[in-house]
Amino acid sequence: MVNIYFNNEFDFNDQNSISSFLGPHAIEHSSINKRIASLYNVSIMSIPLFDFGDYESWFSYHTIIHRQISLIIGIGDAPSLNMIDINDRIQVEEWQQNHQNLHQQISRIIGI
């Protein structure tokens, strides 16, 4: 397994910037799901993460996925990755940092 780097510092108002995040991020989630299935013999909820579509739904489903992962690998409940005000730079930066930290922690634990 290879840990895919995704650009977590993207601008919600720039489609190219969002695209640089969504594709690699979806691939990393796929790798995480496969690794968890092999280590723990369980399946993670799978939804298409490669397209924001409706921001609110994407954030909600993404949070559920991270909570499932966190509970399975034993790190407790994931920090909230729920909907943020995408025009509030501080909220966006906090979300990006929390999200990156969570992915790094998951990757360390499951060995990808």
PDB file of N, CA and C in Angstrom:
ATOM      1  N   MET A   1       0.830  -1.184   0.000  1.00  0.00           N
ATOM      2  CA  MET A   1       0.000   0.000   0.000  1.00  0.00           C
ATOM      3  C   MET A   1       0.875   1.248   0.000  1.00  0.00           C
ATOM      4  N   VAL A   2       0.437   2.234  -0.736  1.00  0.00           N
ATOM      5  CA  VAL A   2       1.168   3.492  -0.830  1.00  0.00           C
ATOM      6  C   VAL A   2       0.271   4.610  -0.334  1.00  0.00           C
ATOM      7  N   ASN A   3       0.831   5.454   0.505  1.00  0.00           N
ATOM      8  CA  ASN A   3       0.089   6.606   0.985  1.00  0.00           C
ATOM      9  C   ASN A   3       0.086   7.665  -0.113  1.00  0.00           C
ATOM     10  N   ILE A   4      -1.078   7.977  -0.635  1.00  0.00           N
ATOM     11  CA  ILE A   4      -1.232   8.970  -1.699  1.00  0.00           C
ATOM     12  C   ILE A   4      -1.266  10.355  -1.064  1.00  0.00           C
ATOM     13  N   TYR A   5      -0.455  11.262  -1.580  1.00  0.00           N
ATOM     14  CA  TYR A   5      -0.490  12.630  -1.073  1.00  0.00           C
ATOM     15  C   TYR A   5      -1.601  13.389  -1.780  1.00  0.00           C
ATOM     16  N   PHE A   6      -2.435  14.023  -1.011  1.00  0.00           N
ATOM     17  CA  PHE A   6      -3.430  14.903  -1.612  1.00  0.00           C
ATOM     18  C   PHE A   6      -3.232  16.299  -1.067  1.00  0.00           C
ATOM     19  N   ASN A   7      -3.507  17.274  -1.902  1.00  0.00           N
ATOM     20  CA  ASN A   7      -3.361  18.671  -1.529  1.00  0.00           C
ATOM     21  C   ASN A   7      -4.538  19.069  -0.651  1.00  0.00           C
ATOM     22  N   ASN A   8      -4.293  19.185   0.634  1.00  0.00           N
ATOM     23  CA  ASN A   8      -5.353  19.517   1.570  1.00  0.00           C
ATOM     24  C   ASN A   8      -5.554  21.027   1.687  1.00  0.00           C
ATOM     25  N   GLU A   9      -4.691  21.803   1.066  1.00  0.00           N
ATOM     26  CA  GLU A   9      -4.798  23.260   1.123  1.00  0.00           C
ATOM     27  C   GLU A   9      -5.375  23.765  -0.187  1.00  0.00           C
ATOM     28  N   PHE A  10      -6.670  23.639  -0.312  1.00  0.00           N
ATOM     29  CA  PHE A  10      -7.341  24.037  -1.543  1.00  0.00           C
ATOM     30  C   PHE A  10      -8.303  25.169  -1.242  1.00  0.00           C
ATOM     31  N   ASP A  11      -8.732  25.812  -2.306  1.00  0.00           N
ATOM     32  CA  ASP A  11      -9.650  26.944  -2.215  1.00  0.00           C
ATOM     33  C   ASP A  11     -11.008  26.502  -2.760  1.00  0.00           C
ATOM     34  N   PHE A  12     -12.038  26.563  -1.916  1.00  0.00           N
ATOM     35  CA  PHE A  12     -13.372  26.130  -2.322  1.00  0.00           C
ATOM     36  C   PHE A  12     -13.928  26.945  -3.486  1.00  0.00           C
ATOM     37  N   ASN A  13     -13.375  28.107  -3.723  1.00  0.00           N
ATOM     38  CA  ASN A  13     -13.873  28.964  -4.799  1.00  0.00           C
ATOM     39  C   ASN A  13     -13.091  28.800  -6.097  1.00  0.00           C
ATOM     40  N   ASP A  14     -12.173  27.845  -6.121  1.00  0.00           N
ATOM     41  CA  ASP A  14     -11.337  27.610  -7.299  1.00  0.00           C
ATOM     42  C   ASP A  14     -11.474  26.149  -7.712  1.00  0.00           C
ATOM     43  N   GLN A  15     -12.152  25.904  -8.838  1.00  0.00           N
ATOM     44  CA  GLN A  15     -12.430  24.537  -9.270  1.00  0.00           C
ATOM     45  C   GLN A  15     -11.160  23.728  -9.506  1.00  0.00           C
ATOM     46  N   ASN A  16     -10.122  24.328 -10.054  1.00  0.00           N
ATOM     47  CA  ASN A  16      -8.858  23.609 -10.257  1.00  0.00           C
ATOM     48  C   ASN A  16      -8.244  23.199  -8.932  1.00  0.00           C
ATOM     49  N   SER A  17      -8.326  24.089  -7.953  1.00  0.00           N
ATOM     50  CA  SER A  17      -7.799  23.802  -6.625  1.00  0.00           C
ATOM     51  C   SER A  17      -8.577  22.658  -5.979  1.00  0.00           C
ATOM     52  N   ILE A  18      -9.891  22.686  -6.097  1.00  0.00           N
ATOM     53  CA  ILE A  18     -10.731  21.621  -5.540  1.00  0.00           C
ATOM     54  C   ILE A  18     -10.399  20.286  -6.210  1.00  0.00           C
ATOM     55  N   SER A  19     -10.221  20.306  -7.521  1.00  0.00           N
ATOM     56  CA  SER A  19      -9.900  19.077  -8.257  1.00  0.00           C
ATOM     57  C   SER A  19      -8.574  18.480  -7.801  1.00  0.00           C
ATOM     58  N   SER A  20      -7.615  19.337  -7.452  1.00  0.00           N
ATOM     59  CA  SER A  20      -6.316  18.834  -6.991  1.00  0.00           C
ATOM     60  C   SER A  20      -6.438  18.130  -5.646  1.00  0.00           C
ATOM     61  N   PHE A  21      -7.520  18.375  -4.943  1.00  0.00           N
ATOM     62  CA  PHE A  21      -7.794  17.718  -3.663  1.00  0.00           C
ATOM     63  C   PHE A  21      -8.659  16.469  -3.845  1.00  0.00           C
ATOM     64  N   LEU A  22      -9.769  16.606  -4.562  1.00  0.00           N
ATOM     65  CA  LEU A  22     -10.786  15.552  -4.581  1.00  0.00           C
ATOM     66  C   LEU A  22     -10.302  14.222  -5.148  1.00  0.00           C
ATOM     67  N   GLY A  23      -9.630  14.234  -6.285  1.00  0.00           N
ATOM     68  CA  GLY A  23      -9.202  12.977  -6.900  1.00  0.00           C
ATOM     69  C   GLY A  23      -8.253  12.187  -6.014  1.00  0.00           C
ATOM     70  N   PRO A  24      -7.093  12.765  -5.659  1.00  0.00           N
ATOM     71  CA  PRO A  24      -6.159  12.040  -4.788  1.00  0.00           C
ATOM     72  C   PRO A  24      -6.765  11.694  -3.421  1.00  0.00           C
ATOM     73  N   HIS A  25      -7.624  12.549  -2.894  1.00  0.00           N
ATOM     74  CA  HIS A  25      -8.269  12.274  -1.616  1.00  0.00           C
ATOM     75  C   HIS A  25      -9.165  11.049  -1.728  1.00  0.00           C
ATOM     76  N   ALA A  26      -9.929  10.946  -2.815  1.00  0.00           N
ATOM     77  CA  ALA A  26     -10.789   9.775  -3.027  1.00  0.00           C
ATOM     78  C   ALA A  26      -9.952   8.511  -3.168  1.00  0.00           C
ATOM     79  N   ILE A  27      -8.808   8.616  -3.858  1.00  0.00           N
ATOM     80  CA  ILE A  27      -7.920   7.458  -4.003  1.00  0.00           C
ATOM     81  C   ILE A  27      -7.371   7.038  -2.644  1.00  0.00           C
ATOM     82  N   GLU A  28      -6.993   8.007  -1.815  1.00  0.00           N
ATOM     83  CA  GLU A  28      -6.481   7.663  -0.484  1.00  0.00           C
ATOM     84  C   GLU A  28      -7.558   6.976   0.343  1.00  0.00           C
ATOM     85  N   HIS A  29      -8.793   7.462   0.267  1.00  0.00           N
ATOM     86  CA  HIS A  29      -9.874   6.804   1.013  1.00  0.00           C
ATOM     87  C   HIS A  29     -10.081   5.381   0.517  1.00  0.00           C
ATOM     88  N   SER A  30      -9.961   5.161  -0.774  1.00  0.00           N
ATOM     89  CA  SER A  30     -10.081   3.814  -1.313  1.00  0.00           C
ATOM     90  C   SER A  30      -8.979   2.913  -0.754  1.00  0.00           C
ATOM     91  N   SER A  31      -7.763   3.425  -0.693  1.00  0.00           N
ATOM     92  CA  SER A  31      -6.649   2.664  -0.118  1.00  0.00           C
ATOM     93  C   SER A  31      -6.881   2.368   1.356  1.00  0.00           C
ATOM     94  N   ILE A  32      -7.377   3.353   2.079  1.00  0.00           N
ATOM     95  CA  ILE A  32      -7.685   3.159   3.504  1.00  0.00           C
ATOM     96  C   ILE A  32      -8.746   2.073   3.659  1.00  0.00           C
ATOM     97  N   ASN A  33      -9.802   2.160   2.861  1.00  0.00           N
ATOM     98  CA  ASN A  33     -10.885   1.172   2.959  1.00  0.00           C
ATOM     99  C   ASN A  33     -10.379  -0.237   2.683  1.00  0.00           C
ATOM    100  N   LYS A  34      -9.552  -0.397   1.661  1.00  0.00           N
ATOM    101  CA  LYS A  34      -9.006  -1.721   1.331  1.00  0.00           C
ATOM    102  C   LYS A  34      -8.115  -2.242   2.445  1.00  0.00           C
ATOM    103  N   ARG A  35      -7.286  -1.373   2.988  1.00  0.00           N
ATOM    104  CA  ARG A  35      -6.375  -1.788   4.070  1.00  0.00           C
ATOM    105  C   ARG A  35      -7.163  -2.172   5.319  1.00  0.00           C
ATOM    106  N   ILE A  36      -8.175  -1.403   5.660  1.00  0.00           N
ATOM    107  CA  ILE A  36      -9.001  -1.726   6.827  1.00  0.00           C
ATOM    108  C   ILE A  36      -9.739  -3.041   6.604  1.00  0.00           C
ATOM    109  N   ALA A  37     -10.235  -3.256   5.403  1.00  0.00           N
ATOM    110  CA  ALA A  37     -10.924  -4.522   5.101  1.00  0.00           C
ATOM    111  C   ALA A  37      -9.983  -5.699   5.301  1.00  0.00           C
ATOM    112  N   SER A  38      -8.719  -5.549   4.897  1.00  0.00           N
ATOM    113  CA  SER A  38      -7.778  -6.653   5.040  1.00  0.00           C
ATOM    114  C   SER A  38      -7.316  -6.848   6.487  1.00  0.00           C
ATOM    115  N   LEU A  39      -7.200  -5.761   7.223  1.00  0.00           N
ATOM    116  CA  LEU A  39      -6.734  -5.868   8.615  1.00  0.00           C
ATOM    117  C   LEU A  39      -7.843  -6.262   9.599  1.00  0.00           C
ATOM    118  N   TYR A  40      -9.038  -5.729   9.396  1.00  0.00           N
ATOM    119  CA  TYR A  40     -10.105  -5.864  10.377  1.00  0.00           C
ATOM    120  C   TYR A  40     -11.302  -6.665   9.874  1.00  0.00           C
ATOM    121  N   ASN A  41     -11.274  -7.045   8.598  1.00  0.00           N
ATOM    122  CA  ASN A  41     -12.367  -7.820   8.006  1.00  0.00           C
ATOM    123  C   ASN A  41     -13.723  -7.118   8.133  1.00  0.00           C
ATOM    124  N   VAL A  42     -13.715  -5.817   7.900  1.00  0.00           N
ATOM    125  CA  VAL A  42     -14.947  -5.018   7.901  1.00  0.00           C
ATOM    126  C   VAL A  42     -14.937  -4.084   6.697  1.00  0.00           C
ATOM    127  N   SER A  43     -16.114  -3.625   6.329  1.00  0.00           N
ATOM    128  CA  SER A  43     -16.234  -2.682   5.229  1.00  0.00           C
ATOM    129  C   SER A  43     -16.619  -1.310   5.751  1.00  0.00           C
ATOM    130  N   ILE A  44     -16.054  -0.298   5.120  1.00  0.00           N
ATOM    131  CA  ILE A  44     -16.369   1.096   5.437  1.00  0.00           C
ATOM    132  C   ILE A  44     -17.420   1.574   4.444  1.00  0.00           C
ATOM    133  N   MET A  45     -18.340   2.412   4.932  1.00  0.00           N
ATOM    134  CA  MET A  45     -19.316   3.041   4.041  1.00  0.00           C
ATOM    135  C   MET A  45     -18.578   3.658   2.859  1.00  0.00           C
ATOM    136  N   SER A  46     -19.069   3.398   1.675  1.00  0.00           N
ATOM    137  CA  SER A  46     -18.402   3.889   0.481  1.00  0.00           C
ATOM    138  C   SER A  46     -19.341   4.787  -0.309  1.00  0.00           C
ATOM    139  N   ILE A  47     -18.925   6.019  -0.487  1.00  0.00           N
ATOM    140  CA  ILE A  47     -19.661   6.970  -1.332  1.00  0.00           C
ATOM    141  C   ILE A  47     -18.647   7.650  -2.234  1.00  0.00           C
ATOM    142  N   PRO A  48     -19.080   8.184  -3.334  1.00  0.00           N
ATOM    143  CA  PRO A  48     -18.122   8.874  -4.200  1.00  0.00           C
ATOM    144  C   PRO A  48     -17.604  10.151  -3.546  1.00  0.00           C
ATOM    145  N   LEU A  49     -16.323  10.182  -3.237  1.00  0.00           N
ATOM    146  CA  LEU A  49     -15.717  11.357  -2.609  1.00  0.00           C
ATOM    147  C   LEU A  49     -14.967  12.216  -3.623  1.00  0.00           C
ATOM    148  N   PHE A  50     -15.055  11.862  -4.904  1.00  0.00           N
ATOM    149  CA  PHE A  50     -14.299  12.577  -5.918  1.00  0.00           C
ATOM    150  C   PHE A  50     -15.037  13.792  -6.457  1.00  0.00           C
ATOM    151  N   ASP A  51     -16.249  14.059  -5.954  1.00  0.00           N
ATOM    152  CA  ASP A  51     -17.020  15.206  -6.421  1.00  0.00           C
ATOM    153  C   ASP A  51     -17.801  15.781  -5.251  1.00  0.00           C
ATOM    154  N   PHE A  52     -17.619  17.065  -4.991  1.00  0.00           N
ATOM    155  CA  PHE A  52     -18.354  17.682  -3.888  1.00  0.00           C
ATOM    156  C   PHE A  52     -19.856  17.661  -4.140  1.00  0.00           C
ATOM    157  N   GLY A  53     -20.273  17.956  -5.377  1.00  0.00           N
ATOM    158  CA  GLY A  53     -21.704  18.027  -5.646  1.00  0.00           C
ATOM    159  C   GLY A  53     -22.348  18.975  -4.660  1.00  0.00           C
ATOM    160  N   ASP A  54     -23.141  18.438  -3.774  1.00  0.00           N
ATOM    161  CA  ASP A  54     -23.778  19.192  -2.702  1.00  0.00           C
ATOM    162  C   ASP A  54     -22.826  19.203  -1.504  1.00  0.00           C
ATOM    163  N   TYR A  55     -22.257  20.361  -1.212  1.00  0.00           N
ATOM    164  CA  TYR A  55     -21.270  20.460  -0.133  1.00  0.00           C
ATOM    165  C   TYR A  55     -21.773  19.862   1.176  1.00  0.00           C
ATOM    166  N   GLU A  56     -22.980  20.209   1.564  1.00  0.00           N
ATOM    167  CA  GLU A  56     -23.491  19.761   2.857  1.00  0.00           C
ATOM    168  C   GLU A  56     -23.534  18.235   2.955  1.00  0.00           C
ATOM    169  N   SER A  57     -24.017  17.586   1.908  1.00  0.00           N
ATOM    170  CA  SER A  57     -24.061  16.121   1.910  1.00  0.00           C
ATOM    171  C   SER A  57     -22.658  15.534   1.923  1.00  0.00           C
ATOM    172  N   TRP A  58     -21.752  16.112   1.135  1.00  0.00           N
ATOM    173  CA  TRP A  58     -20.384  15.599   1.082  1.00  0.00           C
ATOM    174  C   TRP A  58     -19.742  15.662   2.457  1.00  0.00           C
ATOM    175  N   PHE A  59     -19.848  16.810   3.119  1.00  0.00           N
ATOM    176  CA  PHE A  59     -19.261  16.949   4.454  1.00  0.00           C
ATOM    177  C   PHE A  59     -19.883  15.963   5.438  1.00  0.00           C
ATOM    178  N   SER A  60     -21.175  15.790   5.377  1.00  0.00           N
ATOM    179  CA  SER A  60     -21.865  14.877   6.283  1.00  0.00           C
ATOM    180  C   SER A  60     -21.415  13.434   6.077  1.00  0.00           C
ATOM    181  N   TYR A  61     -21.440  12.972   4.832  1.00  0.00           N
ATOM    182  CA  TYR A  61     -21.013  11.596   4.550  1.00  0.00           C
ATOM    183  C   TYR A  61     -19.537  11.388   4.866  1.00  0.00           C
ATOM    184  N   HIS A  62     -18.729  12.369   4.543  1.00  0.00           N
ATOM    185  CA  HIS A  62     -17.302  12.271   4.806  1.00  0.00           C
ATOM    186  C   HIS A  62     -17.042  12.144   6.304  1.00  0.00           C
ATOM    187  N   THR A  63     -17.776  12.880   7.115  1.00  0.00           N
ATOM    188  CA  THR A  63     -17.641  12.780   8.572  1.00  0.00           C
ATOM    189  C   THR A  63     -18.034  11.390   9.054  1.00  0.00           C
ATOM    190  N   ILE A  64     -19.128  10.850   8.529  1.00  0.00           N
ATOM    191  CA  ILE A  64     -19.559   9.502   8.917  1.00  0.00           C
ATOM    192  C   ILE A  64     -18.474   8.477   8.576  1.00  0.00           C
ATOM    193  N   ILE A  65     -17.886   8.600   7.398  1.00  0.00           N
ATOM    194  CA  ILE A  65     -16.822   7.681   6.987  1.00  0.00           C
ATOM    195  C   ILE A  65     -15.650   7.767   7.955  1.00  0.00           C
ATOM    196  N   HIS A  66     -15.215   8.973   8.293  1.00  0.00           N
ATOM    197  CA  HIS A  66     -14.088   9.125   9.206  1.00  0.00           C
ATOM    198  C   HIS A  66     -14.418   8.620  10.604  1.00  0.00           C
ATOM    199  N   ARG A  67     -15.631   8.782  11.034  1.00  0.00           N
ATOM    200  CA  ARG A  67     -16.010   8.251  12.349  1.00  0.00           C
ATOM    201  C   ARG A  67     -15.984   6.736  12.349  1.00  0.00           C
ATOM    202  N   GLN A  68     -16.447   6.106  11.263  1.00  0.00           N
ATOM    203  CA  GLN A  68     -16.380   4.648  11.161  1.00  0.00           C
ATOM    204  C   GLN A  68     -14.925   4.188  11.215  1.00  0.00           C
ATOM    205  N   ILE A  69     -14.085   4.811  10.424  1.00  0.00           N
ATOM    206  CA  ILE A  69     -12.667   4.441  10.388  1.00  0.00           C
ATOM    207  C   ILE A  69     -12.052   4.584  11.778  1.00  0.00           C
ATOM    208  N   SER A  70     -12.283   5.715  12.422  1.00  0.00           N
ATOM    209  CA  SER A  70     -11.684   5.998  13.722  1.00  0.00           C
ATOM    210  C   SER A  70     -12.099   4.982  14.769  1.00  0.00           C
ATOM    211  N   LEU A  71     -13.365   4.618  14.767  1.00  0.00           N
ATOM    212  CA  LEU A  71     -13.835   3.631  15.736  1.00  0.00           C
ATOM    213  C   LEU A  71     -13.250   2.252  15.456  1.00  0.00           C
ATOM    214  N   ILE A  72     -13.156   1.878  14.199  1.00  0.00           N
ATOM    215  CA  ILE A  72     -12.616   0.565  13.840  1.00  0.00           C
ATOM    216  C   ILE A  72     -11.156   0.439  14.231  1.00  0.00           C
ATOM    217  N   ILE A  73     -10.370   1.476  13.987  1.00  0.00           N
ATOM    218  CA  ILE A  73      -8.933   1.372  14.268  1.00  0.00           C
ATOM    219  C   ILE A  73      -8.579   1.762  15.702  1.00  0.00           C
ATOM    220  N   GLY A  74      -9.582   2.136  16.493  1.00  0.00           N
ATOM    221  CA  GLY A  74      -9.377   2.336  17.920  1.00  0.00           C
ATOM    222  C   GLY A  74      -8.867   3.691  18.345  1.00  0.00           C
ATOM    223  N   ILE A  75      -9.147   4.733  17.577  1.00  0.00           N
ATOM    224  CA  ILE A  75      -8.716   6.065  18.018  1.00  0.00           C
ATOM    225  C   ILE A  75      -9.883   6.892  18.534  1.00  0.00           C
ATOM    226  N   GLY A  76     -11.008   6.233  18.788  1.00  0.00           N
ATOM    227  CA  GLY A  76     -12.172   6.942  19.305  1.00  0.00           C
ATOM    228  C   GLY A  76     -12.887   7.696  18.204  1.00  0.00           C
ATOM    229  N   ASP A  77     -13.646   8.669  18.593  1.00  0.00           N
ATOM    230  CA  ASP A  77     -14.443   9.424  17.634  1.00  0.00           C
ATOM    231  C   ASP A  77     -13.567  10.441  16.912  1.00  0.00           C
ATOM    232  N   ALA A  78     -13.769  10.567  15.619  1.00  0.00           N
ATOM    233  CA  ALA A  78     -13.007  11.521  14.810  1.00  0.00           C
ATOM    234  C   ALA A  78     -13.464  12.940  15.124  1.00  0.00           C
ATOM    235  N   PRO A  79     -12.562  13.901  14.943  1.00  0.00           N
ATOM    236  CA  PRO A  79     -13.004  15.288  15.096  1.00  0.00           C
ATOM    237  C   PRO A  79     -14.064  15.598  14.050  1.00  0.00           C
ATOM    238  N   SER A  80     -14.916  16.537  14.356  1.00  0.00           N
ATOM    239  CA  SER A  80     -15.984  16.884  13.426  1.00  0.00           C
ATOM    240  C   SER A  80     -15.403  17.443  12.141  1.00  0.00           C
ATOM    241  N   LEU A  81     -15.824  16.845  11.044  1.00  0.00           N
ATOM    242  CA  LEU A  81     -15.451  17.347   9.724  1.00  0.00           C
ATOM    243  C   LEU A  81     -16.709  17.795   8.997  1.00  0.00           C
ATOM    244  N   ASN A  82     -17.728  18.143   9.803  1.00  0.00           N
ATOM    245  CA  ASN A  82     -19.011  18.536   9.231  1.00  0.00           C
ATOM    246  C   ASN A  82     -18.888  19.837   8.450  1.00  0.00           C
ATOM    247  N   MET A  83     -19.993  20.210   7.867  1.00  0.00           N
ATOM    248  CA  MET A  83     -20.075  21.396   7.011  1.00  0.00           C
ATOM    249  C   MET A  83     -19.492  22.623   7.699  1.00  0.00           C
ATOM    250  N   ILE A  84     -18.738  23.362   6.923  1.00  0.00           N
ATOM    251  CA  ILE A  84     -18.166  24.623   7.384  1.00  0.00           C
ATOM    252  C   ILE A  84     -18.616  25.713   6.434  1.00  0.00           C
ATOM    253  N   ASP A  85     -18.417  26.929   6.844  1.00  0.00           N
ATOM    254  CA  ASP A  85     -18.668  28.067   5.955  1.00  0.00           C
ATOM    255  C   ASP A  85     -17.469  28.163   5.027  1.00  0.00           C
ATOM    256  N   ILE A  86     -17.649  27.759   3.779  1.00  0.00           N
ATOM    257  CA  ILE A  86     -16.519  27.694   2.852  1.00  0.00           C
ATOM    258  C   ILE A  86     -15.967  29.067   2.489  1.00  0.00           C
ATOM    259  N   ASN A  87     -16.637  30.119   2.905  1.00  0.00           N
ATOM    260  CA  ASN A  87     -16.149  31.478   2.660  1.00  0.00           C
ATOM    261  C   ASN A  87     -15.433  32.058   3.871  1.00  0.00           C
ATOM    262  N   ASP A  88     -15.382  31.290   4.961  1.00  0.00           N
ATOM    263  CA  ASP A  88     -14.686  31.718   6.172  1.00  0.00           C
ATOM    264  C   ASP A  88     -13.302  31.069   6.175  1.00  0.00           C
ATOM    265  N   ARG A  89     -12.288  31.838   5.845  1.00  0.00           N
ATOM    266  CA  ARG A  89     -10.923  31.307   5.690  1.00  0.00           C
ATOM    267  C   ARG A  89     -10.444  30.599   6.949  1.00  0.00           C
ATOM    268  N   ILE A  90     -10.785  31.093   8.127  1.00  0.00           N
ATOM    269  CA  ILE A  90     -10.344  30.469   9.378  1.00  0.00           C
ATOM    270  C   ILE A  90     -10.974  29.086   9.529  1.00  0.00           C
ATOM    271  N   GLN A  91     -12.278  28.982   9.281  1.00  0.00           N
ATOM    272  CA  GLN A  91     -12.934  27.674   9.363  1.00  0.00           C
ATOM    273  C   GLN A  91     -12.343  26.701   8.348  1.00  0.00           C
ATOM    274  N   VAL A  92     -12.090  27.187   7.143  1.00  0.00           N
ATOM    275  CA  VAL A  92     -11.520  26.327   6.095  1.00  0.00           C
ATOM    276  C   VAL A  92     -10.144  25.826   6.518  1.00  0.00           C
ATOM    277  N   GLU A  93      -9.299  26.717   7.006  1.00  0.00           N
ATOM    278  CA  GLU A  93      -7.949  26.322   7.421  1.00  0.00           C
ATOM    279  C   GLU A  93      -7.973  25.350   8.594  1.00  0.00           C
ATOM    280  N   GLU A  94      -8.868  25.567   9.566  1.00  0.00           N
ATOM    281  CA  GLU A  94      -8.991  24.640  10.689  1.00  0.00           C
ATOM    282  C   GLU A  94      -9.454  23.270  10.206  1.00  0.00           C
ATOM    283  N   TRP A  95     -10.432  23.261   9.291  1.00  0.00           N
ATOM    284  CA  TRP A  95     -10.923  21.996   8.750  1.00  0.00           C
ATOM    285  C   TRP A  95      -9.792  21.270   8.020  1.00  0.00           C
ATOM    286  N   GLN A  96      -9.060  22.000   7.197  1.00  0.00           N
ATOM    287  CA  GLN A  96      -7.974  21.394   6.437  1.00  0.00           C
ATOM    288  C   GLN A  96      -6.914  20.801   7.363  1.00  0.00           C
ATOM    289  N   GLN A  97      -6.573  21.507   8.424  1.00  0.00           N
ATOM    290  CA  GLN A  97      -5.559  21.016   9.355  1.00  0.00           C
ATOM    291  C   GLN A  97      -6.067  19.780  10.104  1.00  0.00           C
ATOM    292  N   ASN A  98      -7.293  19.840  10.624  1.00  0.00           N
ATOM    293  CA  ASN A  98      -7.864  18.687  11.326  1.00  0.00           C
ATOM    294  C   ASN A  98      -7.950  17.472  10.406  1.00  0.00           C
ATOM    295  N   HIS A  99      -8.359  17.697   9.176  1.00  0.00           N
ATOM    296  CA  HIS A  99      -8.499  16.625   8.199  1.00  0.00           C
ATOM    297  C   HIS A  99      -7.144  16.001   7.881  1.00  0.00           C
ATOM    298  N   GLN A 100      -6.148  16.828   7.650  1.00  0.00           N
ATOM    299  CA  GLN A 100      -4.802  16.323   7.354  1.00  0.00           C
ATOM    300  C   GLN A 100      -4.255  15.530   8.530  1.00  0.00           C
ATOM    301  N   ASN A 101      -4.409  16.055   9.744  1.00  0.00           N
ATOM    302  CA  ASN A 101      -3.932  15.348  10.933  1.00  0.00           C
ATOM    303  C   ASN A 101      -4.594  13.983  11.066  1.00  0.00           C
ATOM    304  N   LEU A 102      -5.888  13.928  10.812  1.00  0.00           N
ATOM    305  CA  LEU A 102      -6.620  12.675  10.922  1.00  0.00           C
ATOM    306  C   LEU A 102      -6.125  11.660   9.895  1.00  0.00           C
ATOM    307  N   HIS A 103      -5.936  12.090   8.657  1.00  0.00           N
ATOM    308  CA  HIS A 103      -5.429  11.174   7.628  1.00  0.00           C
ATOM    309  C   HIS A 103      -4.033  10.667   7.983  1.00  0.00           C
ATOM    310  N   GLN A 104      -3.183  11.519   8.505  1.00  0.00           N
ATOM    311  CA  GLN A 104      -1.840  11.092   8.892  1.00  0.00           C
ATOM    312  C   GLN A 104      -1.898  10.070  10.021  1.00  0.00           C
ATOM    313  N   GLN A 105      -2.764  10.301  10.993  1.00  0.00           N
ATOM    314  CA  GLN A 105      -2.911   9.370  12.111  1.00  0.00           C
ATOM    315  C   GLN A 105      -3.422   8.013  11.617  1.00  0.00           C
ATOM    316  N   ILE A 106      -4.427   8.036  10.773  1.00  0.00           N
ATOM    317  CA  ILE A 106      -4.977   6.791  10.224  1.00  0.00           C
ATOM    318  C   ILE A 106      -3.894   6.042   9.442  1.00  0.00           C
ATOM    319  N   SER A 107      -3.176   6.751   8.597  1.00  0.00           N
ATOM    320  CA  SER A 107      -2.131   6.120   7.788  1.00  0.00           C
ATOM    321  C   SER A 107      -1.059   5.465   8.649  1.00  0.00           C
ATOM    322  N   ARG A 108      -0.651   6.130   9.717  1.00  0.00           N
ATOM    323  CA  ARG A 108       0.354   5.557  10.624  1.00  0.00           C
ATOM    324  C   ARG A 108      -0.168   4.267  11.254  1.00  0.00           C
ATOM    325  N   ILE A 109      -1.391   4.293  11.709  1.00  0.00           N
ATOM    326  CA  ILE A 109      -1.953   3.153  12.430  1.00  0.00           C
ATOM    327  C   ILE A 109      -2.141   1.935  11.522  1.00  0.00           C
ATOM    328  N   ILE A 110      -2.630   2.150  10.314  1.00  0.00           N
ATOM    329  CA  ILE A 110      -2.895   1.004   9.446  1.00  0.00           C
ATOM    330  C   ILE A 110      -1.740   0.671   8.517  1.00  0.00           C
ATOM    331  N   GLY A 111      -0.692   1.452   8.578  1.00  0.00           N
ATOM    332  CA  GLY A 111       0.510   1.121   7.833  1.00  0.00           C
ATOM    333  C   GLY A 111       0.474   1.378   6.349  1.00  0.00           C
ATOM    334  N   ILE A 112      -0.087   2.504   5.964  1.00  0.00           N
ATOM    335  CA  ILE A 112      -0.030   2.868   4.542  1.00  0.00           C
ATOM    336  C   ILE A 112       0.688   4.200   4.401  1.00  0.00           C
TER     337      ILE A 112
END
